[in-house]
Amino acid sequence: METSNVSTAIPADVLVKQLGEVSFARTHCDMLELQRQLGTAPSGTLEQHRRETLFLFEPSPVVTLGSAATSNDILIEEDLLDARGVEIHEVDRGGEATYHGPGQLLAYPVLKLSPAERDLHRLLRSLETAVLETLEHWRIEGRREPDHTGVWVGQHKIASIGLSVRRWVTGHGLALCVSGDLDPFGWIVPCGIRGCPVTSMERELGHPPAREEVEAILADRILDLFGRNDSR
């Protein structure tokens, strides 16, 4: 397996927050505020290292619209989304539209990048690698798609990835489909790929994996690939 480690010379401690089922909007606001705070913290300070955080959570239903999204990316009327309890949020990551909801695991690393880490391509590839290595634990064969960011199993997408970087502080991250209803992906054009089929770990395995184990392995792979330590 190709790896893409973007580690720093001296590993920093990262607070891993396992939030469980939470509001996407609230968690997104918390992430943005931390990203802003880290952007103004002096590099290399103990304060910075204490505040770097990996958010792990299962979001409330939401369609997020990245910087490249258009009105054509939502395929049903917005009032129907509202009736189904799905919010719509414009977010400051790259990419188009995606759906997040129950059963997914979102991992948002908010990290202050050293000069040696400031390679956006490598950052994205490292997040893909973290997902690929997590899937390997369950003998699920994931792959990259040359023309698109994310992770696929066969022809089905299983993880979406999108980053924002402000003052060389990362925001957003990845969404891995662990279990749950996949029908809402049919209400949008996922990540700009019309007709893109979506799968989950549950669908590939025939049963849902233990969520706590998925969180633990994914967090470990993200921290290792970014050269960080778990401060818990």
Protein backbone atom coordinates (compact mmCIF):
# COMPACT_ATOMS: atom_id res chain seq x y z
CA MET A 1 0.00 0.00 0.00
CA GLU A 2 1.30 3.43 -0.92
CA THR A 3 1.70 5.68 2.10
CA SER A 4 1.86 9.45 2.21
CA ASN A 5 3.19 10.45 5.60
CA VAL A 6 3.28 14.20 6.23
CA SER A 7 4.72 13.93 9.72
CA THR A 8 6.54 16.68 11.58
CA ALA A 9 10.01 16.27 13.10
CA ILE A 10 8.68 16.49 16.68
CA PRO A 11 5.21 14.93 17.10
CA ALA A 12 2.63 17.22 18.64
CA ASP A 13 -0.11 16.07 20.98
CA VAL A 14 -3.61 16.11 19.55
CA LEU A 15 -6.83 16.04 21.55
CA VAL A 16 -9.09 13.32 20.10
CA LYS A 17 -12.75 14.19 20.67
CA GLN A 18 -15.15 11.28 20.17
CA LEU A 19 -18.43 13.17 20.14
CA GLY A 20 -20.92 10.48 19.16
CA GLU A 21 -24.19 11.60 17.54
CA VAL A 22 -24.15 15.39 17.34
CA SER A 23 -25.49 18.31 15.35
CA PHE A 24 -23.44 18.87 12.22
CA ALA A 25 -24.03 22.62 12.35
CA ARG A 26 -22.84 22.96 15.95
CA THR A 27 -19.76 20.79 15.43
CA HIS A 28 -18.91 22.63 12.21
CA CYS A 29 -19.02 25.94 14.10
CA ASP A 30 -16.77 24.52 16.84
CA MET A 31 -14.30 23.33 14.21
CA LEU A 32 -14.24 26.73 12.48
CA GLU A 33 -13.63 28.53 15.78
CA LEU A 34 -10.75 26.21 16.67
CA GLN A 35 -9.31 26.64 13.18
CA ARG A 36 -9.43 30.43 13.67
CA GLN A 37 -7.78 30.20 17.11
CA LEU A 38 -4.98 27.97 15.85
CA GLY A 39 -4.39 30.32 12.96
CA THR A 40 -3.51 33.11 15.38
CA ALA A 41 -1.47 30.99 17.84
CA PRO A 42 2.33 31.29 17.58
CA SER A 43 3.85 28.26 15.85
CA GLY A 44 5.54 25.72 18.09
CA THR A 45 3.93 26.91 21.30
CA LEU A 46 2.62 24.53 23.93
CA GLU A 47 -0.72 26.29 23.64
CA GLN A 48 -0.91 25.36 19.95
CA HIS A 49 -0.10 21.70 20.58
CA ARG A 50 -2.72 21.40 23.30
CA ARG A 51 -5.42 22.79 21.04
CA GLU A 52 -4.84 20.72 17.91
CA THR A 53 -7.88 18.46 17.76
CA LEU A 54 -9.27 15.51 15.85
CA PHE A 55 -13.07 15.63 15.84
CA LEU A 56 -14.78 12.24 15.39
CA PHE A 57 -18.57 12.30 15.16
CA GLU A 58 -21.77 10.92 13.66
CA PRO A 59 -23.59 13.90 12.14
CA SER A 60 -27.21 14.89 11.96
CA PRO A 61 -28.58 14.70 8.37
CA VAL A 62 -27.15 17.45 6.18
CA VAL A 63 -26.22 18.25 2.60
CA THR A 64 -23.02 20.28 2.50
CA LEU A 65 -22.13 22.44 -0.48
CA GLY A 66 -18.44 23.07 -1.14
CA SER A 67 -16.91 25.90 -3.13
CA ALA A 68 -17.50 24.15 -6.49
CA ALA A 69 -21.15 23.21 -5.82
CA THR A 70 -24.00 24.52 -7.98
CA SER A 71 -27.79 24.52 -7.63
CA ASN A 72 -27.90 21.53 -10.01
CA ASP A 73 -26.16 19.35 -7.43
CA ILE A 74 -29.40 18.98 -5.42
CA LEU A 75 -31.80 16.72 -7.31
CA ILE A 76 -34.96 17.10 -5.21
CA GLU A 77 -36.87 20.12 -3.95
CA GLU A 78 -35.39 21.75 -0.87
CA ASP A 79 -38.74 21.59 0.94
CA LEU A 80 -38.64 17.79 0.52
CA LEU A 81 -35.21 17.72 2.13
CA ASP A 82 -36.55 19.84 4.95
CA ALA A 83 -39.53 17.49 5.41
CA ARG A 84 -37.07 14.61 5.71
CA GLY A 85 -35.05 16.43 8.37
CA VAL A 86 -32.07 17.20 6.11
CA GLU A 87 -30.43 20.60 6.47
CA ILE A 88 -28.41 22.36 3.76
CA HIS A 89 -25.17 24.13 4.65
CA GLU A 90 -22.64 25.96 2.52
CA VAL A 91 -19.18 25.12 3.83
CA ASP A 92 -15.70 26.45 3.18
CA ARG A 93 -14.09 23.27 1.84
CA GLY A 94 -13.33 22.46 -1.76
CA GLY A 95 -15.50 20.18 -3.86
CA GLU A 96 -19.17 19.98 -4.67
CA ALA A 97 -22.15 18.57 -2.73
CA THR A 98 -22.17 15.63 -0.39
CA TYR A 99 -24.53 14.10 2.13
CA HIS A 100 -23.71 13.39 5.77
CA GLY A 101 -25.97 11.60 8.19
CA PRO A 102 -26.51 8.81 10.71
CA GLY A 103 -24.21 5.85 10.18
CA GLN A 104 -21.36 7.92 8.80
CA LEU A 105 -18.13 8.64 10.67
CA LEU A 106 -16.76 12.12 10.11
CA ALA A 107 -13.12 12.78 11.02
CA TYR A 108 -12.06 16.43 11.05
CA PRO A 109 -8.38 16.97 11.96
CA VAL A 110 -7.75 20.61 12.92
CA LEU A 111 -3.97 20.87 12.76
CA LYS A 112 -1.50 23.72 12.45
CA LEU A 113 0.84 22.72 9.63
CA SER A 114 4.57 23.20 9.82
CA PRO A 115 6.33 24.52 6.69
CA ALA A 116 7.35 20.95 5.80
CA GLU A 117 3.70 19.83 5.85
CA ARG A 118 2.30 22.50 3.55
CA ASP A 119 1.49 20.32 0.56
CA LEU A 120 -2.25 20.10 -0.05
CA HIS A 121 -1.94 17.17 -2.46
CA ARG A 122 -0.08 15.12 0.14
CA LEU A 123 -2.62 16.06 2.80
CA LEU A 124 -5.48 14.69 0.71
CA ARG A 125 -3.55 11.54 -0.19
CA SER A 126 -2.77 10.98 3.51
CA LEU A 127 -6.47 11.12 4.40
CA GLU A 128 -7.20 8.63 1.62
CA THR A 129 -4.46 6.36 2.97
CA ALA A 130 -5.95 6.53 6.47
CA VAL A 131 -9.28 5.27 5.08
CA LEU A 132 -7.65 2.59 2.92
CA GLU A 133 -5.68 1.23 5.87
CA THR A 134 -8.79 1.28 8.07
CA LEU A 135 -10.74 -0.71 5.49
CA GLU A 136 -7.87 -3.21 5.24
CA HIS A 137 -8.45 -4.15 8.88
CA TRP A 138 -11.81 -5.61 7.81
CA ARG A 139 -10.35 -7.03 4.58
CA ILE A 140 -12.30 -4.52 2.52
CA GLU A 141 -10.30 -3.70 -0.61
CA GLY A 142 -10.49 0.04 -1.15
CA ARG A 143 -8.94 1.98 -4.00
CA ARG A 144 -8.25 5.48 -5.21
CA GLU A 145 -9.89 6.95 -8.31
CA PRO A 146 -7.33 8.85 -10.45
CA ASP A 147 -9.75 11.60 -11.46
CA HIS A 148 -11.49 12.12 -8.12
CA THR A 149 -10.56 12.58 -4.46
CA GLY A 150 -11.94 9.96 -2.08
CA VAL A 151 -11.97 6.19 -1.64
CA TRP A 152 -13.89 3.57 -3.62
CA VAL A 153 -14.70 -0.13 -3.22
CA GLY A 154 -15.03 -1.45 -6.73
CA GLN A 155 -17.18 1.11 -8.54
CA HIS A 156 -18.87 2.36 -5.36
CA LYS A 157 -17.67 5.32 -3.32
CA ILE A 158 -17.26 4.66 0.40
CA ALA A 159 -15.50 7.82 1.66
CA SER A 160 -15.57 11.49 0.70
CA ILE A 161 -12.69 13.84 1.44
CA GLY A 162 -12.56 17.62 1.42
CA LEU A 163 -10.24 20.04 3.19
CA SER A 164 -10.15 23.72 3.95
CA VAL A 165 -6.86 25.34 4.95
CA ARG A 166 -6.74 28.77 6.59
CA ARG A 167 -3.43 30.26 7.68
CA TRP A 168 -2.05 26.75 7.23
CA VAL A 169 -4.52 25.29 9.69
CA THR A 170 -6.59 22.38 8.37
CA GLY A 171 -10.35 22.10 8.64
CA HIS A 172 -12.95 19.56 7.54
CA GLY A 173 -11.51 16.17 6.55
CA LEU A 174 -13.26 12.94 5.63
CA ALA A 175 -16.58 11.12 5.84
CA LEU A 176 -16.56 7.32 5.90
CA CYS A 177 -19.80 5.42 5.31
CA VAL A 178 -19.82 2.86 8.11
CA SER A 179 -23.50 1.87 8.12
CA GLY A 180 -26.98 3.31 7.72
CA ASP A 181 -29.30 4.41 4.93
CA LEU A 182 -27.58 5.24 1.63
CA ASP A 183 -30.71 6.41 -0.20
CA PRO A 184 -30.09 10.13 0.58
CA PHE A 185 -27.06 10.08 -1.73
CA GLY A 186 -29.56 9.69 -4.56
CA TRP A 187 -31.00 13.10 -3.69
CA ILE A 188 -27.79 14.88 -4.76
CA VAL A 189 -24.94 14.62 -7.26
CA PRO A 190 -22.32 13.23 -4.85
CA CYS A 191 -19.05 15.15 -5.13
CA GLY A 192 -19.96 16.24 -8.65
CA ILE A 193 -20.14 12.66 -9.98
CA ARG A 194 -23.56 12.15 -11.54
CA GLY A 195 -24.93 8.66 -10.96
CA CYS A 196 -22.15 7.82 -8.50
CA PRO A 197 -23.08 4.65 -6.55
CA VAL A 198 -22.26 4.69 -2.83
CA THR A 199 -21.51 1.81 -0.48
CA SER A 200 -20.76 1.34 3.21
CA MET A 201 -18.70 -0.96 5.39
CA GLU A 202 -21.95 -2.59 6.51
CA ARG A 203 -22.97 -3.32 2.93
CA GLU A 204 -19.55 -4.73 2.04
CA LEU A 205 -19.35 -6.92 5.17
CA GLY A 206 -22.98 -7.97 5.38
CA HIS A 207 -23.16 -6.61 8.94
CA PRO A 208 -22.27 -3.33 10.67
CA PRO A 209 -18.76 -3.23 12.17
CA ALA A 210 -18.25 -2.08 15.74
CA ARG A 211 -18.26 1.68 15.46
CA GLU A 212 -15.88 2.19 18.39
CA GLU A 213 -13.32 -0.02 16.66
CA VAL A 214 -13.66 1.86 13.38
CA GLU A 215 -13.17 5.17 15.21
CA ALA A 216 -10.12 3.89 17.08
CA ILE A 217 -8.37 2.51 14.00
CA LEU A 218 -9.16 5.51 11.80
CA ALA A 219 -7.98 7.95 14.47
CA ASP A 220 -4.76 5.98 14.93
CA ARG A 221 -4.05 6.00 11.19
CA ILE A 222 -4.76 9.74 10.82
CA LEU A 223 -2.54 10.67 13.75
CA ASP A 224 0.28 8.42 12.55
CA LEU A 225 0.17 9.72 8.98
CA PHE A 226 0.19 13.32 10.21
CA GLY A 227 2.92 12.65 12.76
CA ARG A 228 0.81 13.43 15.82
CA ASN A 229 0.27 11.77 19.20
CA ASP A 230 -3.03 11.11 20.95
CA SER A 231 -3.08 13.34 24.04
CA ARG A 232 -5.95 11.52 25.82
